[in-house]
Amino acid sequence: MTEINRYHSRPLDVHRWSHHPEATRLRDTVWSQYFKEAFPAGGKGNKANSEPKKQFKVLLLDLYVAWLDDPELSIGVGMSKSAYQQNSRYNELFISAKMIEIVNRAFETGLIDKETGSEWSGMTTRIRATNKLQKMFKQSELTLFDLTEEQPNQEAIILSKHDYINDKKKRIQVDYEDTDYEPIVSMRRQLQDYNALLWRTFIDIPTRQHPVIEQPYWDKKAGEMKSRRVRLTQDNKFVRRVFYRADWSLGGRFHGGWWQSVKEDWRKQIYLNDEATINRTTQVYT
């Protein structure tokens, strides 16, 4: 395999989960061989919600999904304790800083390649399954639908703002209480129903032989045309509603579904459960 391209990556999905028996079998196989001795059960402060074996499953399944998408695709993970907010509403699987030890163990045992990030670069560490782990993936019968058939308890109502981190302007998520704004509960319920429908629906552009579209866009900051890689995959459908500047009166736009990142000529070719949408695309998705 080639060296990790840190620009060909995506963040770790901390909500990656599945109760499918094959997902559990894959986790138990890898855990027993490479992690069991390093993370004995019942350690101090080892709460059920954040136990290492559970966090390892999140990491393993997300590496598996990345491999299914593209074996060269890497995942960005935070390797400092400040990167993990265990009690945040945006971290429902309670991923903690224990993930740092799990990533390091995976690297030590030769299961992942790693390109270390740094604060000055503003980039997180990138990881990717090695040939050793890929061989185990190839023996698995897991499909992408097995990993997306159960919608995780992922927060769909996002309150955000811009902040400066290491002198770089970034959009961050702001914690809130449901009582802060009366419509929150009803908005979330509607989005949960919508996402549940999307989870059950096969959304695709059947004319595409490879489920990726290189979508050109104008980068205002760089002053040049660039290309955004849009994955037309069944795990790239989660829709959230985002409010800006930590203000419930600003924004409220819908983000997330891959169809929002492709142009109209592609959207006209979308099929839902093998049925054409033709010119009804806008009505279907908005």
C-alpha atoms as a PDB file:
ATOM      1  CA  MET A   1       0.000   0.000   0.000  1.00  0.00           C
ATOM      2  CA  THR A   2       1.056   3.594  -0.543  1.00  0.00           C
ATOM      3  CA  GLU A   3       1.876   5.985   2.277  1.00  0.00           C
ATOM      4  CA  ILE A   4      -1.089   7.616   4.005  1.00  0.00           C
ATOM      5  CA  ASN A   5      -2.337  10.720   2.232  1.00  0.00           C
ATOM      6  CA  ARG A   6      -3.565  12.846   5.141  1.00  0.00           C
ATOM      7  CA  TYR A   7      -5.760  14.849   2.754  1.00  0.00           C
ATOM      8  CA  HIS A   8      -7.581  11.696   1.634  1.00  0.00           C
ATOM      9  CA  SER A   9      -9.317  11.110   4.930  1.00  0.00           C
ATOM     10  CA  ARG A  10     -12.436  11.649   7.025  1.00  0.00           C
ATOM     11  CA  PRO A  11     -13.017  12.002  10.777  1.00  0.00           C
ATOM     12  CA  LEU A  12     -13.668   9.010  13.015  1.00  0.00           C
ATOM     13  CA  ASP A  13     -17.411   8.356  13.236  1.00  0.00           C
ATOM     14  CA  VAL A  14     -17.942   8.001  16.993  1.00  0.00           C
ATOM     15  CA  HIS A  15     -21.483   6.701  16.362  1.00  0.00           C
ATOM     16  CA  ARG A  16     -20.435   3.720  14.252  1.00  0.00           C
ATOM     17  CA  TRP A  17     -22.267   0.741  15.710  1.00  0.00           C
ATOM     18  CA  SER A  18     -24.048  -2.505  14.912  1.00  0.00           C
ATOM     19  CA  HIS A  19     -25.601  -5.354  16.880  1.00  0.00           C
ATOM     20  CA  HIS A  20     -25.263  -7.669  13.903  1.00  0.00           C
ATOM     21  CA  PRO A  21     -23.781 -11.046  15.011  1.00  0.00           C
ATOM     22  CA  GLU A  22     -21.046 -10.814  12.375  1.00  0.00           C
ATOM     23  CA  ALA A  23     -19.967  -7.409  13.720  1.00  0.00           C
ATOM     24  CA  THR A  24     -19.701  -8.872  17.214  1.00  0.00           C
ATOM     25  CA  ARG A  25     -17.797 -11.908  15.908  1.00  0.00           C
ATOM     26  CA  LEU A  26     -15.281  -9.693  14.108  1.00  0.00           C
ATOM     27  CA  ARG A  27     -14.755  -7.578  17.220  1.00  0.00           C
ATOM     28  CA  ASP A  28     -14.312 -10.611  19.497  1.00  0.00           C
ATOM     29  CA  THR A  29     -11.847 -12.242  17.105  1.00  0.00           C
ATOM     30  CA  VAL A  30      -9.562  -9.218  16.872  1.00  0.00           C
ATOM     31  CA  TRP A  31      -9.966  -8.284  20.550  1.00  0.00           C
ATOM     32  CA  SER A  32      -9.053 -11.720  21.888  1.00  0.00           C
ATOM     33  CA  GLN A  33      -5.922 -11.922  19.734  1.00  0.00           C
ATOM     34  CA  TYR A  34      -4.500  -8.434  20.176  1.00  0.00           C
ATOM     35  CA  PHE A  35      -6.230  -6.449  22.952  1.00  0.00           C
ATOM     36  CA  LYS A  36      -7.557  -8.705  25.706  1.00  0.00           C
ATOM     37  CA  GLU A  37      -4.321  -8.877  27.706  1.00  0.00           C
ATOM     38  CA  ALA A  38      -3.619  -5.151  27.357  1.00  0.00           C
ATOM     39  CA  PHE A  39      -7.104  -4.151  28.579  1.00  0.00           C
ATOM     40  CA  PRO A  40      -8.176  -6.534  31.371  1.00  0.00           C
ATOM     41  CA  ALA A  41     -11.867  -6.363  32.264  1.00  0.00           C
ATOM     42  CA  GLY A  42     -12.993  -4.648  35.443  1.00  0.00           C
ATOM     43  CA  GLY A  43     -10.311  -1.996  35.688  1.00  0.00           C
ATOM     44  CA  LYS A  44     -10.700   1.057  37.880  1.00  0.00           C
ATOM     45  CA  GLY A  45     -13.269   3.516  36.560  1.00  0.00           C
ATOM     46  CA  ASN A  46     -14.151   1.103  33.770  1.00  0.00           C
ATOM     47  CA  LYS A  47     -17.815   2.068  33.298  1.00  0.00           C
ATOM     48  CA  ALA A  48     -20.025  -0.140  31.142  1.00  0.00           C
ATOM     49  CA  ASN A  49     -20.869   2.669  28.714  1.00  0.00           C
ATOM     50  CA  SER A  50     -17.262   3.514  27.953  1.00  0.00           C
ATOM     51  CA  GLU A  51     -15.435   0.214  28.466  1.00  0.00           C
ATOM     52  CA  PRO A  52     -12.444  -0.247  26.122  1.00  0.00           C
ATOM     53  CA  LYS A  53     -13.976  -3.227  24.307  1.00  0.00           C
ATOM     54  CA  LYS A  54     -17.016  -1.151  23.357  1.00  0.00           C
ATOM     55  CA  GLN A  55     -14.873   1.744  22.153  1.00  0.00           C
ATOM     56  CA  PHE A  56     -12.677  -0.662  20.216  1.00  0.00           C
ATOM     57  CA  LYS A  57     -15.749  -1.940  18.381  1.00  0.00           C
ATOM     58  CA  VAL A  58     -16.552   1.603  17.233  1.00  0.00           C
ATOM     59  CA  LEU A  59     -13.017   2.033  15.916  1.00  0.00           C
ATOM     60  CA  LEU A  60     -12.875  -1.395  14.264  1.00  0.00           C
ATOM     61  CA  LEU A  61     -16.205  -1.014  12.473  1.00  0.00           C
ATOM     62  CA  ASP A  62     -15.313   2.464  11.249  1.00  0.00           C
ATOM     63  CA  LEU A  63     -11.997   1.173   9.898  1.00  0.00           C
ATOM     64  CA  TYR A  64     -13.987  -1.573   8.188  1.00  0.00           C
ATOM     65  CA  VAL A  65     -16.387   0.919   6.568  1.00  0.00           C
ATOM     66  CA  ALA A  66     -13.461   3.068   5.410  1.00  0.00           C
ATOM     67  CA  TRP A  67     -11.844  -0.022   3.889  1.00  0.00           C
ATOM     68  CA  LEU A  68     -15.069  -0.928   2.087  1.00  0.00           C
ATOM     69  CA  ASP A  69     -15.181   2.605   0.695  1.00  0.00           C
ATOM     70  CA  ASP A  70     -11.524   2.804  -0.342  1.00  0.00           C
ATOM     71  CA  PRO A  71      -8.567   0.811   1.096  1.00  0.00           C
ATOM     72  CA  GLU A  72      -6.434   3.964   0.787  1.00  0.00           C
ATOM     73  CA  LEU A  73      -8.889   6.116   2.773  1.00  0.00           C
ATOM     74  CA  SER A  74      -7.648   7.054   6.252  1.00  0.00           C
ATOM     75  CA  ILE A  75      -9.510   8.140   9.387  1.00  0.00           C
ATOM     76  CA  GLY A  76      -8.665  11.194  11.462  1.00  0.00           C
ATOM     77  CA  VAL A  77      -8.546  10.589  15.236  1.00  0.00           C
ATOM     78  CA  GLY A  78      -7.724  12.937  18.090  1.00  0.00           C
ATOM     79  CA  MET A  79      -4.729  11.809  20.123  1.00  0.00           C
ATOM     80  CA  SER A  80      -5.059  14.281  22.997  1.00  0.00           C
ATOM     81  CA  LYS A  81      -7.482  14.094  25.920  1.00  0.00           C
ATOM     82  CA  SER A  82      -8.994  17.448  24.976  1.00  0.00           C
ATOM     83  CA  ALA A  83     -10.361  15.857  21.788  1.00  0.00           C
ATOM     84  CA  TYR A  84     -12.859  13.746  23.762  1.00  0.00           C
ATOM     85  CA  GLN A  85     -15.901  15.174  25.512  1.00  0.00           C
ATOM     86  CA  GLN A  86     -17.366  12.066  27.062  1.00  0.00           C
ATOM     87  CA  ASN A  87     -20.472  13.688  28.528  1.00  0.00           C
ATOM     88  CA  SER A  88     -21.386  15.674  25.428  1.00  0.00           C
ATOM     89  CA  ARG A  89     -24.769  15.136  23.747  1.00  0.00           C
ATOM     90  CA  TYR A  90     -22.766  14.768  20.501  1.00  0.00           C
ATOM     91  CA  ASN A  91     -21.033  11.641  21.832  1.00  0.00           C
ATOM     92  CA  GLU A  92     -23.867   9.242  22.648  1.00  0.00           C
ATOM     93  CA  LEU A  93     -21.633   6.151  22.644  1.00  0.00           C
ATOM     94  CA  PHE A  94     -19.465   7.752  25.341  1.00  0.00           C
ATOM     95  CA  ILE A  95     -16.160   7.572  23.502  1.00  0.00           C
ATOM     96  CA  SER A  96     -13.428   8.692  25.901  1.00  0.00           C
ATOM     97  CA  ALA A  97      -9.703   9.395  25.896  1.00  0.00           C
ATOM     98  CA  LYS A  98      -9.257   5.637  26.328  1.00  0.00           C
ATOM     99  CA  MET A  99      -9.507   5.615  22.526  1.00  0.00           C
ATOM    100  CA  ILE A 100      -5.932   6.993  22.445  1.00  0.00           C
ATOM    101  CA  GLU A 101      -4.597   3.842  24.143  1.00  0.00           C
ATOM    102  CA  ILE A 102      -6.673   1.643  21.831  1.00  0.00           C
ATOM    103  CA  VAL A 103      -5.289   3.364  18.724  1.00  0.00           C
ATOM    104  CA  ASN A 104      -1.725   3.049  20.020  1.00  0.00           C
ATOM    105  CA  ARG A 105      -2.251  -0.644  20.764  1.00  0.00           C
ATOM    106  CA  ALA A 106      -3.631  -1.214  17.262  1.00  0.00           C
ATOM    107  CA  PHE A 107      -0.516   0.428  15.839  1.00  0.00           C
ATOM    108  CA  GLU A 108       1.863  -1.559  18.065  1.00  0.00           C
ATOM    109  CA  THR A 109       0.273  -4.835  16.973  1.00  0.00           C
ATOM    110  CA  GLY A 110       0.511  -3.939  13.284  1.00  0.00           C
ATOM    111  CA  LEU A 111      -3.227  -3.626  12.687  1.00  0.00           C
ATOM    112  CA  ILE A 112      -3.132  -0.012  11.506  1.00  0.00           C
ATOM    113  CA  ASP A 113      -0.841   2.383   9.704  1.00  0.00           C
ATOM    114  CA  LYS A 114      -0.492   5.744  11.420  1.00  0.00           C
ATOM    115  CA  GLU A 115       0.512   9.241  10.312  1.00  0.00           C
ATOM    116  CA  THR A 116       0.933  11.326  13.460  1.00  0.00           C
ATOM    117  CA  GLY A 117      -0.716  14.739  13.534  1.00  0.00           C
ATOM    118  CA  SER A 118       0.277  17.796  15.531  1.00  0.00           C
ATOM    119  CA  GLU A 119      -1.184  20.945  17.052  1.00  0.00           C
ATOM    120  CA  TRP A 120       0.893  23.252  14.887  1.00  0.00           C
ATOM    121  CA  SER A 121      -0.348  21.623  11.691  1.00  0.00           C
ATOM    122  CA  GLY A 122      -3.947  21.704  12.884  1.00  0.00           C
ATOM    123  CA  MET A 123      -4.361  18.111  11.649  1.00  0.00           C
ATOM    124  CA  THR A 124      -5.342  15.046  13.613  1.00  0.00           C
ATOM    125  CA  THR A 125      -3.512  11.734  13.435  1.00  0.00           C
ATOM    126  CA  ARG A 126      -4.538   9.631  10.432  1.00  0.00           C
ATOM    127  CA  ILE A 127      -4.951   5.865  10.674  1.00  0.00           C
ATOM    128  CA  ARG A 128      -5.764   3.117   8.173  1.00  0.00           C
ATOM    129  CA  ALA A 129      -6.148  -0.673   8.238  1.00  0.00           C
ATOM    130  CA  THR A 130      -2.944  -2.520   7.320  1.00  0.00           C
ATOM    131  CA  ASN A 131      -2.851  -5.588   5.083  1.00  0.00           C
ATOM    132  CA  LYS A 132      -2.868  -7.649   8.273  1.00  0.00           C
ATOM    133  CA  LEU A 133      -6.224  -6.240   9.389  1.00  0.00           C
ATOM    134  CA  GLN A 134      -7.582  -6.171   5.845  1.00  0.00           C
ATOM    135  CA  LYS A 135      -7.117  -9.949   5.636  1.00  0.00           C
ATOM    136  CA  MET A 136      -9.425 -10.273   8.626  1.00  0.00           C
ATOM    137  CA  PHE A 137     -11.894  -7.890   6.998  1.00  0.00           C
ATOM    138  CA  LYS A 138     -11.936 -10.014   3.843  1.00  0.00           C
ATOM    139  CA  GLN A 139     -12.992 -13.029   5.903  1.00  0.00           C
ATOM    140  CA  SER A 140     -15.981 -11.128   7.284  1.00  0.00           C
ATOM    141  CA  GLU A 141     -19.418 -11.339   5.700  1.00  0.00           C
ATOM    142  CA  LEU A 142     -20.501  -7.919   6.981  1.00  0.00           C
ATOM    143  CA  THR A 143     -22.179  -5.628   4.462  1.00  0.00           C
ATOM    144  CA  LEU A 144     -22.648  -1.875   4.646  1.00  0.00           C
ATOM    145  CA  PHE A 145     -26.352  -2.366   5.305  1.00  0.00           C
ATOM    146  CA  ASP A 146     -25.485  -4.539   8.315  1.00  0.00           C
ATOM    147  CA  LEU A 147     -23.714  -1.498   9.731  1.00  0.00           C
ATOM    148  CA  THR A 148     -26.433   1.039   8.944  1.00  0.00           C
ATOM    149  CA  GLU A 149     -29.650  -0.890   9.495  1.00  0.00           C
ATOM    150  CA  GLU A 150     -29.829   0.329  13.092  1.00  0.00           C
ATOM    151  CA  GLN A 151     -29.802   4.088  13.462  1.00  0.00           C
ATOM    152  CA  PRO A 152     -27.551   5.109  16.348  1.00  0.00           C
ATOM    153  CA  ASN A 153     -28.780   7.552  18.955  1.00  0.00           C
ATOM    154  CA  GLN A 154     -26.945  10.360  17.191  1.00  0.00           C
ATOM    155  CA  GLU A 155     -27.847  13.975  17.905  1.00  0.00           C
ATOM    156  CA  ALA A 156     -29.609  15.503  14.893  1.00  0.00           C
ATOM    157  CA  ILE A 157     -30.101  19.023  16.255  1.00  0.00           C
ATOM    158  CA  ILE A 158     -26.773  20.847  16.223  1.00  0.00           C
ATOM    159  CA  LEU A 159     -25.973  24.188  17.822  1.00  0.00           C
ATOM    160  CA  SER A 160     -22.685  25.513  16.452  1.00  0.00           C
ATOM    161  CA  LYS A 161     -20.406  28.505  16.416  1.00  0.00           C
ATOM    162  CA  HIS A 162     -17.030  29.550  15.090  1.00  0.00           C
ATOM    163  CA  ASP A 163     -14.107  29.613  17.484  1.00  0.00           C
ATOM    164  CA  TYR A 164     -10.341  29.929  17.192  1.00  0.00           C
ATOM    165  CA  ILE A 165      -8.357  26.794  17.985  1.00  0.00           C
ATOM    166  CA  ASN A 166      -4.577  27.080  17.702  1.00  0.00           C
ATOM    167  CA  ASP A 167      -5.133  30.424  15.906  1.00  0.00           C
ATOM    168  CA  LYS A 168      -7.285  28.726  13.278  1.00  0.00           C
ATOM    169  CA  LYS A 169     -10.962  29.503  12.822  1.00  0.00           C
ATOM    170  CA  LYS A 170     -13.074  26.364  13.153  1.00  0.00           C
ATOM    171  CA  ARG A 171     -16.753  25.528  13.554  1.00  0.00           C
ATOM    172  CA  ILE A 172     -17.420  23.766  16.844  1.00  0.00           C
ATOM    173  CA  GLN A 173     -20.511  22.160  18.353  1.00  0.00           C
ATOM    174  CA  VAL A 174     -22.054  23.790  21.419  1.00  0.00           C
ATOM    175  CA  ASP A 175     -23.746  21.777  24.157  1.00  0.00           C
ATOM    176  CA  TYR A 176     -27.263  22.815  25.143  1.00  0.00           C
ATOM    177  CA  GLU A 177     -30.343  21.726  27.100  1.00  0.00           C
ATOM    178  CA  ASP A 178     -33.618  20.782  25.448  1.00  0.00           C
ATOM    179  CA  THR A 179     -35.314  23.446  27.564  1.00  0.00           C
ATOM    180  CA  ASP A 180     -33.210  26.198  25.961  1.00  0.00           C
ATOM    181  CA  TYR A 181     -35.544  26.439  22.964  1.00  0.00           C
ATOM    182  CA  GLU A 182     -39.113  25.106  22.949  1.00  0.00           C
ATOM    183  CA  PRO A 183     -39.180  23.549  19.416  1.00  0.00           C
ATOM    184  CA  ILE A 184     -36.072  21.390  19.990  1.00  0.00           C
ATOM    185  CA  VAL A 185     -37.918  18.231  21.037  1.00  0.00           C
ATOM    186  CA  SER A 186     -40.417  18.307  18.150  1.00  0.00           C
ATOM    187  CA  MET A 187     -37.668  19.168  15.624  1.00  0.00           C
ATOM    188  CA  ARG A 188     -35.585  16.220  16.820  1.00  0.00           C
ATOM    189  CA  ARG A 189     -38.535  13.819  16.667  1.00  0.00           C
ATOM    190  CA  GLN A 190     -39.265  14.827  13.052  1.00  0.00           C
ATOM    191  CA  LEU A 191     -35.621  14.367  12.059  1.00  0.00           C
ATOM    192  CA  GLN A 192     -35.409  11.001  13.810  1.00  0.00           C
ATOM    193  CA  ASP A 193     -38.416   9.799  11.807  1.00  0.00           C
ATOM    194  CA  TYR A 194     -36.904  11.173   8.603  1.00  0.00           C
ATOM    195  CA  ASN A 195     -33.521   9.564   9.243  1.00  0.00           C
ATOM    196  CA  ALA A 196     -35.198   6.256  10.105  1.00  0.00           C
ATOM    197  CA  LEU A 197     -36.893   6.379   6.689  1.00  0.00           C
ATOM    198  CA  LEU A 198     -33.589   7.189   4.976  1.00  0.00           C
ATOM    199  CA  TRP A 199     -31.938   4.285   6.813  1.00  0.00           C
ATOM    200  CA  ARG A 200     -34.504   1.898   5.324  1.00  0.00           C
ATOM    201  CA  THR A 201     -34.227   3.345   1.823  1.00  0.00           C
ATOM    202  CA  PHE A 202     -31.597   2.353  -0.741  1.00  0.00           C
ATOM    203  CA  ILE A 203     -30.515   5.656  -2.325  1.00  0.00           C
ATOM    204  CA  ASP A 204     -28.214   5.401  -5.311  1.00  0.00           C
ATOM    205  CA  ILE A 205     -27.227   6.628  -8.754  1.00  0.00           C
ATOM    206  CA  PRO A 206     -27.192   3.308 -10.635  1.00  0.00           C
ATOM    207  CA  THR A 207     -25.377   4.766 -13.652  1.00  0.00           C
ATOM    208  CA  ARG A 208     -22.289   5.201 -11.484  1.00  0.00           C
ATOM    209  CA  GLN A 209     -19.940   2.196 -11.568  1.00  0.00           C
ATOM    210  CA  HIS A 210     -17.918   3.627  -8.674  1.00  0.00           C
ATOM    211  CA  PRO A 211     -19.852   5.165  -5.732  1.00  0.00           C
ATOM    212  CA  VAL A 212     -17.834   8.388  -5.683  1.00  0.00           C
ATOM    213  CA  ILE A 213     -18.298  11.716  -7.463  1.00  0.00           C
ATOM    214  CA  GLU A 214     -15.510  14.280  -7.686  1.00  0.00           C
ATOM    215  CA  GLN A 215     -17.513  17.492  -7.262  1.00  0.00           C
ATOM    216  CA  PRO A 216     -15.678  20.705  -8.289  1.00  0.00           C
ATOM    217  CA  TYR A 217     -16.150  23.833  -6.172  1.00  0.00           C
ATOM    218  CA  TRP A 218     -14.638  27.293  -5.809  1.00  0.00           C
ATOM    219  CA  ASP A 219     -12.430  27.707  -2.749  1.00  0.00           C
ATOM    220  CA  LYS A 220     -12.783  31.401  -1.838  1.00  0.00           C
ATOM    221  CA  LYS A 221      -9.884  31.342   0.613  1.00  0.00           C
ATOM    222  CA  ALA A 222      -7.460  29.727  -1.858  1.00  0.00           C
ATOM    223  CA  GLY A 223      -8.883  31.605  -4.833  1.00  0.00           C
ATOM    224  CA  GLU A 224      -8.991  28.505  -7.016  1.00  0.00           C
ATOM    225  CA  MET A 225     -11.119  25.574  -8.117  1.00  0.00           C
ATOM    226  CA  LYS A 226     -10.859  22.437  -6.007  1.00  0.00           C
ATOM    227  CA  SER A 227     -12.554  19.069  -5.966  1.00  0.00           C
ATOM    228  CA  ARG A 228     -14.676  17.570  -3.200  1.00  0.00           C
ATOM    229  CA  ARG A 229     -15.009  13.781  -3.001  1.00  0.00           C
ATOM    230  CA  VAL A 230     -18.666  12.846  -2.436  1.00  0.00           C
ATOM    231  CA  ARG A 231     -19.342   9.259  -1.336  1.00  0.00           C
ATOM    232  CA  LEU A 232     -22.641   7.867  -2.648  1.00  0.00           C
ATOM    233  CA  THR A 233     -22.748   5.221   0.068  1.00  0.00           C
ATOM    234  CA  GLN A 234     -25.502   4.000   2.368  1.00  0.00           C
ATOM    235  CA  ASP A 235     -23.658   5.190   5.473  1.00  0.00           C
ATOM    236  CA  ASN A 236     -23.556   8.771   4.168  1.00  0.00           C
ATOM    237  CA  LYS A 237     -27.245   9.602   4.575  1.00  0.00           C
ATOM    238  CA  PHE A 238     -27.630  10.968   8.103  1.00  0.00           C
ATOM    239  CA  VAL A 239     -29.332  14.376   8.055  1.00  0.00           C
ATOM    240  CA  ARG A 240     -28.951  16.932  10.827  1.00  0.00           C
ATOM    241  CA  ARG A 241     -30.278  20.436  11.393  1.00  0.00           C
ATOM    242  CA  VAL A 242     -27.617  23.043  12.179  1.00  0.00           C
ATOM    243  CA  PHE A 243     -28.080  26.396  13.915  1.00  0.00           C
ATOM    244  CA  TYR A 244     -25.258  28.956  13.716  1.00  0.00           C
ATOM    245  CA  ARG A 245     -23.437  31.399  16.025  1.00  0.00           C
ATOM    246  CA  ALA A 246     -24.816  29.542  19.069  1.00  0.00           C
ATOM    247  CA  ASP A 247     -28.147  31.219  18.297  1.00  0.00           C
ATOM    248  CA  TRP A 248     -31.420  29.304  17.794  1.00  0.00           C
ATOM    249  CA  SER A 249     -32.732  32.079  15.566  1.00  0.00           C
ATOM    250  CA  LEU A 250     -29.931  31.668  13.010  1.00  0.00           C
ATOM    251  CA  GLY A 251     -29.689  28.875  10.489  1.00  0.00           C
ATOM    252  CA  GLY A 252     -31.688  25.746  11.071  1.00  0.00           C
ATOM    253  CA  ARG A 253     -30.650  24.399   7.669  1.00  0.00           C
ATOM    254  CA  PHE A 254     -30.491  20.700   6.864  1.00  0.00           C
ATOM    255  CA  HIS A 255     -27.079  19.125   6.215  1.00  0.00           C
ATOM    256  CA  GLY A 256     -25.708  15.640   5.735  1.00  0.00           C
ATOM    257  CA  GLY A 257     -27.207  13.583   2.931  1.00  0.00           C
ATOM    258  CA  TRP A 258     -24.755  12.977   0.078  1.00  0.00           C
ATOM    259  CA  TRP A 259     -27.339  14.199  -2.456  1.00  0.00           C
ATOM    260  CA  GLN A 260     -26.941  17.705  -1.005  1.00  0.00           C
ATOM    261  CA  SER A 261     -23.324  17.782  -2.193  1.00  0.00           C
ATOM    262  CA  VAL A 262     -23.886  16.888  -5.851  1.00  0.00           C
ATOM    263  CA  LYS A 263     -25.238  19.059  -8.640  1.00  0.00           C
ATOM    264  CA  GLU A 264     -28.698  18.944 -10.171  1.00  0.00           C
ATOM    265  CA  ASP A 265     -27.703  16.827 -13.164  1.00  0.00           C
ATOM    266  CA  TRP A 266     -26.622  14.062 -10.757  1.00  0.00           C
ATOM    267  CA  ARG A 267     -29.654  14.459  -8.487  1.00  0.00           C
ATOM    268  CA  LYS A 268     -31.967  13.821 -11.443  1.00  0.00           C
ATOM    269  CA  GLN A 269     -30.381  10.376 -11.758  1.00  0.00           C
ATOM    270  CA  ILE A 270     -31.067   9.307  -8.165  1.00  0.00           C
ATOM    271  CA  TYR A 271     -33.047   6.133  -7.582  1.00  0.00           C
ATOM    272  CA  LEU A 272     -34.932   5.243  -4.392  1.00  0.00           C
ATOM    273  CA  ASN A 273     -35.220   1.504  -3.802  1.00  0.00           C
ATOM    274  CA  ASP A 274     -34.478   0.924  -7.498  1.00  0.00           C
ATOM    275  CA  GLU A 275     -37.156   3.373  -8.653  1.00  0.00           C
ATOM    276  CA  ALA A 276     -36.310   6.548 -10.585  1.00  0.00           C
ATOM    277  CA  THR A 277     -37.127   9.922  -9.051  1.00  0.00           C
ATOM    278  CA  ILE A 278     -36.601  11.835 -12.329  1.00  0.00           C
ATOM    279  CA  ASN A 279     -37.748  15.451 -11.812  1.00  0.00           C
ATOM    280  CA  ARG A 280     -39.290  14.746  -8.404  1.00  0.00           C
ATOM    281  CA  THR A 281     -35.862  14.836  -6.715  1.00  0.00           C
ATOM    282  CA  THR A 282     -36.376  18.260  -5.106  1.00  0.00           C
ATOM    283  CA  GLN A 283     -39.776  17.259  -3.728  1.00  0.00           C
ATOM    284  CA  VAL A 284     -38.435  13.996  -2.350  1.00  0.00           C
ATOM    285  CA  TYR A 285     -35.424  15.380  -0.481  1.00  0.00           C
ATOM    286  CA  THR A 286     -36.600  18.723   0.855  1.00  0.00           C
END
